[in-house]
Every structure is written in C-alpha cells, then in structure tokens.
Amino acid sequence: MSAYRGVSIAVINGYAMGGGLECALACDIRIAEAHAQMALPETGVGLLPCAGGTQNLTALVGEVGQSA
C-alpha cells in the first residue's frame, strides 16, 4: 500500500489491530471514529509487526517515553 501511486484513505470504525492497523498506517489519510480501538498486539508477546508498523507508527506520531 505504501508504494501505491494514488491517494489511499483508511476509515477505521471499530477495531484495527495487527495487520489492519499496519494497512491503515500505510495509507495517506486515516479517519477514525471516536470509539475506534487500534493496537499492535503482537508486541505484547515479543513479536515484531511484519509490515513496518513500528516504523510507520513512530514516524506518524513520534516516540513516546515511559515515566518511571
């Protein structure tokens, strides 16, 4: 999707987790309902998202540190 030459739009209504969120992150525009829930659950079990989700997410929203 990130190589698509046209404009891609993701509309999130409900859950976007794992591959669904990675597809949305690869789009040019993302529109989400207020109740939408997004996550990369594979990181919770020690796996890495395979479609660039961690890179795309930090590129879009920046890095977030944890407070001690």
PDB file of N, CA and C in Angstrom:
ATOM      1  N   MET A   1       0.812  -1.197   0.000  1.00  0.00           N
ATOM      2  CA  MET A   1       0.000   0.000   0.000  1.00  0.00           C
ATOM      3  C   MET A   1       0.852   1.255   0.000  1.00  0.00           C
ATOM      4  N   SER A   2       1.991   1.208   0.679  1.00  0.00           N
ATOM      5  CA  SER A   2       2.818   2.408   0.750  1.00  0.00           C
ATOM      6  C   SER A   2       3.422   2.764  -0.607  1.00  0.00           C
ATOM      7  N   ALA A   3       3.473   1.823  -1.543  1.00  0.00           N
ATOM      8  CA  ALA A   3       4.009   2.094  -2.873  1.00  0.00           C
ATOM      9  C   ALA A   3       2.921   2.503  -3.868  1.00  0.00           C
ATOM     10  N   TYR A   4       1.671   2.509  -3.445  1.00  0.00           N
ATOM     11  CA  TYR A   4       0.560   2.879  -4.317  1.00  0.00           C
ATOM     12  C   TYR A   4       0.702   4.331  -4.739  1.00  0.00           C
ATOM     13  N   ARG A   5       0.557   4.619  -6.024  1.00  0.00           N
ATOM     14  CA  ARG A   5       0.794   5.971  -6.528  1.00  0.00           C
ATOM     15  C   ARG A   5      -0.396   6.905  -6.352  1.00  0.00           C
ATOM     16  N   GLY A   6      -1.583   6.378  -6.129  1.00  0.00           N
ATOM     17  CA  GLY A   6      -2.761   7.211  -5.915  1.00  0.00           C
ATOM     18  C   GLY A   6      -2.870   7.609  -4.451  1.00  0.00           C
ATOM     19  N   VAL A   7      -3.982   8.223  -4.109  1.00  0.00           N
ATOM     20  CA  VAL A   7      -4.236   8.609  -2.723  1.00  0.00           C
ATOM     21  C   VAL A   7      -5.009   7.474  -2.056  1.00  0.00           C
ATOM     22  N   SER A   8      -4.500   7.000  -0.929  1.00  0.00           N
ATOM     23  CA  SER A   8      -5.173   5.927  -0.199  1.00  0.00           C
ATOM     24  C   SER A   8      -5.722   6.478   1.114  1.00  0.00           C
ATOM     25  N   ILE A   9      -6.954   6.072   1.441  1.00  0.00           N
ATOM     26  CA  ILE A   9      -7.635   6.552   2.639  1.00  0.00           C
ATOM     27  C   ILE A   9      -8.105   5.349   3.452  1.00  0.00           C
ATOM     28  N   ALA A  10      -7.795   5.357   4.739  1.00  0.00           N
ATOM     29  CA  ALA A  10      -8.266   4.312   5.647  1.00  0.00           C
ATOM     30  C   ALA A  10      -9.334   4.909   6.550  1.00  0.00           C
ATOM     31  N   VAL A  11     -10.460   4.232   6.657  1.00  0.00           N
ATOM     32  CA  VAL A  11     -11.534   4.638   7.559  1.00  0.00           C
ATOM     33  C   VAL A  11     -11.655   3.549   8.618  1.00  0.00           C
ATOM     34  N   ILE A  12     -11.449   3.924   9.882  1.00  0.00           N
ATOM     35  CA  ILE A  12     -11.439   2.955  10.976  1.00  0.00           C
ATOM     36  C   ILE A  12     -12.686   3.158  11.825  1.00  0.00           C
ATOM     37  N   ASN A  13     -13.499   2.115  11.874  1.00  0.00           N
ATOM     38  CA  ASN A  13     -14.745   2.138  12.633  1.00  0.00           C
ATOM     39  C   ASN A  13     -14.801   0.841  13.429  1.00  0.00           C
ATOM     40  N   GLY A  14     -14.302   0.861  14.644  1.00  0.00           N
ATOM     41  CA  GLY A  14     -14.234  -0.359  15.455  1.00  0.00           C
ATOM     42  C   GLY A  14     -12.784  -0.686  15.769  1.00  0.00           C
ATOM     43  N   TYR A  15     -12.400  -1.937  15.482  1.00  0.00           N
ATOM     44  CA  TYR A  15     -11.054  -2.389  15.816  1.00  0.00           C
ATOM     45  C   TYR A  15     -10.144  -2.370  14.590  1.00  0.00           C
ATOM     46  N   ALA A  16      -8.912  -1.914  14.782  1.00  0.00           N
ATOM     47  CA  ALA A  16      -7.850  -2.019  13.775  1.00  0.00           C
ATOM     48  C   ALA A  16      -6.621  -2.500  14.539  1.00  0.00           C
ATOM     49  N   MET A  17      -6.391  -3.790  14.478  1.00  0.00           N
ATOM     50  CA  MET A  17      -5.302  -4.370  15.261  1.00  0.00           C
ATOM     51  C   MET A  17      -4.425  -5.229  14.365  1.00  0.00           C
ATOM     52  N   GLY A  18      -3.149  -5.235  14.669  1.00  0.00           N
ATOM     53  CA  GLY A  18      -2.215  -6.046  13.898  1.00  0.00           C
ATOM     54  C   GLY A  18      -2.130  -5.577  12.460  1.00  0.00           C
ATOM     55  N   GLY A  19      -2.397  -6.495  11.544  1.00  0.00           N
ATOM     56  CA  GLY A  19      -2.301  -6.196  10.120  1.00  0.00           C
ATOM     57  C   GLY A  19      -3.249  -5.106   9.666  1.00  0.00           C
ATOM     58  N   GLY A  20      -4.430  -5.022  10.282  1.00  0.00           N
ATOM     59  CA  GLY A  20      -5.378  -3.971   9.919  1.00  0.00           C
ATOM     60  C   GLY A  20      -4.844  -2.580  10.225  1.00  0.00           C
ATOM     61  N   LEU A  21      -4.195  -2.443  11.376  1.00  0.00           N
ATOM     62  CA  LEU A  21      -3.609  -1.152  11.720  1.00  0.00           C
ATOM     63  C   LEU A  21      -2.417  -0.858  10.824  1.00  0.00           C
ATOM     64  N   GLU A  22      -1.627  -1.878  10.498  1.00  0.00           N
ATOM     65  CA  GLU A  22      -0.481  -1.659   9.626  1.00  0.00           C
ATOM     66  C   GLU A  22      -0.922  -1.200   8.237  1.00  0.00           C
ATOM     67  N   CYS A  23      -2.026  -1.742   7.743  1.00  0.00           N
ATOM     68  CA  CYS A  23      -2.575  -1.281   6.461  1.00  0.00           C
ATOM     69  C   CYS A  23      -3.013   0.175   6.560  1.00  0.00           C
ATOM     70  N   ALA A  24      -3.671   0.530   7.663  1.00  0.00           N
ATOM     71  CA  ALA A  24      -4.119   1.913   7.851  1.00  0.00           C
ATOM     72  C   ALA A  24      -2.927   2.863   7.955  1.00  0.00           C
ATOM     73  N   LEU A  25      -1.852   2.444   8.631  1.00  0.00           N
ATOM     74  CA  LEU A  25      -0.674   3.292   8.767  1.00  0.00           C
ATOM     75  C   LEU A  25       0.017   3.532   7.435  1.00  0.00           C
ATOM     76  N   ALA A  26      -0.128   2.595   6.497  1.00  0.00           N
ATOM     77  CA  ALA A  26       0.497   2.741   5.187  1.00  0.00           C
ATOM     78  C   ALA A  26      -0.283   3.689   4.280  1.00  0.00           C
ATOM     79  N   CYS A  27      -1.515   4.036   4.653  1.00  0.00           N
ATOM     80  CA  CYS A  27      -2.350   4.925   3.833  1.00  0.00           C
ATOM     81  C   CYS A  27      -1.918   6.380   3.994  1.00  0.00           C
ATOM     82  N   ASP A  28      -2.320   7.195   3.038  1.00  0.00           N
ATOM     83  CA  ASP A  28      -2.000   8.624   3.074  1.00  0.00           C
ATOM     84  C   ASP A  28      -2.849   9.366   4.100  1.00  0.00           C
ATOM     85  N   ILE A  29      -4.103   8.967   4.244  1.00  0.00           N
ATOM     86  CA  ILE A  29      -5.045   9.631   5.148  1.00  0.00           C
ATOM     87  C   ILE A  29      -5.732   8.565   5.989  1.00  0.00           C
ATOM     88  N   ARG A  30      -5.866   8.839   7.275  1.00  0.00           N
ATOM     89  CA  ARG A  30      -6.565   7.929   8.181  1.00  0.00           C
ATOM     90  C   ARG A  30      -7.666   8.699   8.902  1.00  0.00           C
ATOM     91  N   ILE A  31      -8.867   8.146   8.876  1.00  0.00           N
ATOM     92  CA  ILE A  31     -10.011   8.746   9.571  1.00  0.00           C
ATOM     93  C   ILE A  31     -10.534   7.682  10.523  1.00  0.00           C
ATOM     94  N   ALA A  32     -10.637   8.014  11.804  1.00  0.00           N
ATOM     95  CA  ALA A  32     -11.083   7.049  12.795  1.00  0.00           C
ATOM     96  C   ALA A  32     -12.254   7.608  13.595  1.00  0.00           C
ATOM     97  N   GLU A  33     -13.219   6.751  13.883  1.00  0.00           N
ATOM     98  CA  GLU A  33     -14.318   7.105  14.760  1.00  0.00           C
ATOM     99  C   GLU A  33     -13.780   7.303  16.171  1.00  0.00           C
ATOM    100  N   ALA A  34     -14.500   8.019  16.989  1.00  0.00           N
ATOM    101  CA  ALA A  34     -14.055   8.284  18.362  1.00  0.00           C
ATOM    102  C   ALA A  34     -13.921   7.002  19.178  1.00  0.00           C
ATOM    103  N   HIS A  35     -14.729   5.977  18.873  1.00  0.00           N
ATOM    104  CA  HIS A  35     -14.688   4.732  19.633  1.00  0.00           C
ATOM    105  C   HIS A  35     -13.724   3.694  19.033  1.00  0.00           C
ATOM    106  N   ALA A  36     -13.013   4.035  17.971  1.00  0.00           N
ATOM    107  CA  ALA A  36     -12.093   3.090  17.326  1.00  0.00           C
ATOM    108  C   ALA A  36     -10.974   2.693  18.290  1.00  0.00           C
ATOM    109  N   GLN A  37     -10.592   1.437  18.223  1.00  0.00           N
ATOM    110  CA  GLN A  37      -9.503   0.937  19.053  1.00  0.00           C
ATOM    111  C   GLN A  37      -8.415   0.387  18.142  1.00  0.00           C
ATOM    112  N   MET A  38      -7.198   0.884  18.329  1.00  0.00           N
ATOM    113  CA  MET A  38      -6.076   0.487  17.485  1.00  0.00           C
ATOM    114  C   MET A  38      -4.946  -0.042  18.345  1.00  0.00           C
ATOM    115  N   ALA A  39      -4.298  -1.090  17.870  1.00  0.00           N
ATOM    116  CA  ALA A  39      -3.205  -1.685  18.646  1.00  0.00           C
ATOM    117  C   ALA A  39      -2.335  -2.548  17.746  1.00  0.00           C
ATOM    118  N   LEU A  40      -1.120  -2.755  18.203  1.00  0.00           N
ATOM    119  CA  LEU A  40      -0.216  -3.731  17.610  1.00  0.00           C
ATOM    120  C   LEU A  40      -0.001  -4.814  18.669  1.00  0.00           C
ATOM    121  N   PRO A  41      -0.950  -5.751  18.825  1.00  0.00           N
ATOM    122  CA  PRO A  41      -0.896  -6.703  19.928  1.00  0.00           C
ATOM    123  C   PRO A  41       0.269  -7.674  19.864  1.00  0.00           C
ATOM    124  N   GLU A  42       0.865  -7.867  18.698  1.00  0.00           N
ATOM    125  CA  GLU A  42       1.978  -8.796  18.600  1.00  0.00           C
ATOM    126  C   GLU A  42       3.180  -8.359  19.437  1.00  0.00           C
ATOM    127  N   THR A  43       3.308  -7.061  19.700  1.00  0.00           N
ATOM    128  CA  THR A  43       4.417  -6.591  20.529  1.00  0.00           C
ATOM    129  C   THR A  43       4.262  -7.038  21.980  1.00  0.00           C
ATOM    130  N   GLY A  44       3.055  -7.317  22.416  1.00  0.00           N
ATOM    131  CA  GLY A  44       2.811  -7.774  23.783  1.00  0.00           C
ATOM    132  C   GLY A  44       3.294  -9.188  24.054  1.00  0.00           C
ATOM    133  N   VAL A  45       3.522  -9.956  23.003  1.00  0.00           N
ATOM    134  CA  VAL A  45       4.012 -11.326  23.168  1.00  0.00           C
ATOM    135  C   VAL A  45       5.430 -11.488  22.615  1.00  0.00           C
ATOM    136  N   GLY A  46       6.116 -10.360  22.411  1.00  0.00           N
ATOM    137  CA  GLY A  46       7.507 -10.399  21.998  1.00  0.00           C
ATOM    138  C   GLY A  46       7.738 -10.530  20.508  1.00  0.00           C
ATOM    139  N   LEU A  47       6.720 -10.315  19.682  1.00  0.00           N
ATOM    140  CA  LEU A  47       6.875 -10.389  18.234  1.00  0.00           C
ATOM    141  C   LEU A  47       6.915  -8.983  17.654  1.00  0.00           C
ATOM    142  N   LEU A  48       7.474  -8.853  16.464  1.00  0.00           N
ATOM    143  CA  LEU A  48       7.510  -7.566  15.778  1.00  0.00           C
ATOM    144  C   LEU A  48       6.477  -7.552  14.662  1.00  0.00           C
ATOM    145  N   PRO A  49       5.767  -6.445  14.493  1.00  0.00           N
ATOM    146  CA  PRO A  49       4.858  -6.332  13.351  1.00  0.00           C
ATOM    147  C   PRO A  49       5.669  -6.470  12.062  1.00  0.00           C
ATOM    148  N   CYS A  50       5.171  -7.254  11.115  1.00  0.00           N
ATOM    149  CA  CYS A  50       5.981  -7.596   9.950  1.00  0.00           C
ATOM    150  C   CYS A  50       5.827  -6.638   8.775  1.00  0.00           C
ATOM    151  N   ALA A  51       4.908  -5.707   8.813  1.00  0.00           N
ATOM    152  CA  ALA A  51       4.696  -4.818   7.671  1.00  0.00           C
ATOM    153  C   ALA A  51       5.133  -3.385   7.972  1.00  0.00           C
ATOM    154  N   GLY A  52       6.101  -3.207   8.847  1.00  0.00           N
ATOM    155  CA  GLY A  52       6.606  -1.871   9.139  1.00  0.00           C
ATOM    156  C   GLY A  52       5.765  -1.068  10.107  1.00  0.00           C
ATOM    157  N   GLY A  53       4.922  -1.716  10.886  1.00  0.00           N
ATOM    158  CA  GLY A  53       4.032  -0.998  11.802  1.00  0.00           C
ATOM    159  C   GLY A  53       4.764  -0.167  12.832  1.00  0.00           C
ATOM    160  N   THR A  54       5.843  -0.687  13.390  1.00  0.00           N
ATOM    161  CA  THR A  54       6.558   0.076  14.416  1.00  0.00           C
ATOM    162  C   THR A  54       7.247   1.294  13.816  1.00  0.00           C
ATOM    163  N   GLN A  55       7.760   1.183  12.605  1.00  0.00           N
ATOM    164  CA  GLN A  55       8.411   2.323  11.959  1.00  0.00           C
ATOM    165  C   GLN A  55       7.390   3.361  11.523  1.00  0.00           C
ATOM    166  N   ASN A  56       6.292   2.916  10.910  1.00  0.00           N
ATOM    167  CA  ASN A  56       5.264   3.851  10.452  1.00  0.00           C
ATOM    168  C   ASN A  56       4.589   4.564  11.616  1.00  0.00           C
ATOM    169  N   LEU A  57       4.332   3.853  12.696  1.00  0.00           N
ATOM    170  CA  LEU A  57       3.656   4.452  13.847  1.00  0.00           C
ATOM    171  C   LEU A  57       4.508   5.557  14.468  1.00  0.00           C
ATOM    172  N   THR A  58       5.788   5.294  14.708  1.00  0.00           N
ATOM    173  CA  THR A  58       6.643   6.325  15.306  1.00  0.00           C
ATOM    174  C   THR A  58       6.893   7.471  14.338  1.00  0.00           C
ATOM    175  N   ALA A  59       6.899   7.210  13.037  1.00  0.00           N
ATOM    176  CA  ALA A  59       7.069   8.285  12.058  1.00  0.00           C
ATOM    177  C   ALA A  59       5.853   9.212  12.056  1.00  0.00           C
ATOM    178  N   LEU A  60       4.666   8.655  12.312  1.00  0.00           N
ATOM    179  CA  LEU A  60       3.442   9.458  12.282  1.00  0.00           C
ATOM    180  C   LEU A  60       3.162  10.196  13.584  1.00  0.00           C
ATOM    181  N   VAL A  61       3.381   9.562  14.725  1.00  0.00           N
ATOM    182  CA  VAL A  61       3.012  10.178  15.998  1.00  0.00           C
ATOM    183  C   VAL A  61       4.204  10.526  16.877  1.00  0.00           C
ATOM    184  N   GLY A  62       5.398  10.088  16.513  1.00  0.00           N
ATOM    185  CA  GLY A  62       6.581  10.373  17.313  1.00  0.00           C
ATOM    186  C   GLY A  62       6.779   9.323  18.385  1.00  0.00           C
ATOM    187  N   GLU A  63       7.921   9.388  19.023  1.00  0.00           N
ATOM    188  CA  GLU A  63       8.235   8.443  20.073  1.00  0.00           C
ATOM    189  C   GLU A  63       7.648   8.915  21.390  1.00  0.00           C
ATOM    190  N   VAL A  64       7.190   7.984  22.184  1.00  0.00           N
ATOM    191  CA  VAL A  64       6.596   8.293  23.477  1.00  0.00           C
ATOM    192  C   VAL A  64       7.421   7.555  24.545  1.00  0.00           C
ATOM    193  N   GLY A  65       7.941   8.302  25.498  1.00  0.00           N
ATOM    194  CA  GLY A  65       8.709   7.685  26.567  1.00  0.00           C
ATOM    195  C   GLY A  65       7.811   7.303  27.732  1.00  0.00           C
ATOM    196  N   GLN A  66       8.272   6.354  28.520  1.00  0.00           N
ATOM    197  CA  GLN A  66       7.538   5.958  29.717  1.00  0.00           C
ATOM    198  C   GLN A  66       8.111   6.677  30.925  1.00  0.00           C
ATOM    199  N   SER A  67       7.232   7.117  31.809  1.00  0.00           N
ATOM    200  CA  SER A  67       7.700   7.762  33.025  1.00  0.00           C
ATOM    201  C   SER A  67       8.039   6.687  34.060  1.00  0.00           C
ATOM    202  N   ALA A  68       8.990   6.984  34.909  1.00  0.00           N
ATOM    203  CA  ALA A  68       9.455   5.993  35.890  1.00  0.00           C
ATOM    204  C   ALA A  68       8.537   5.876  37.058  1.00  0.00           C
TER     205      ALA A  68
END
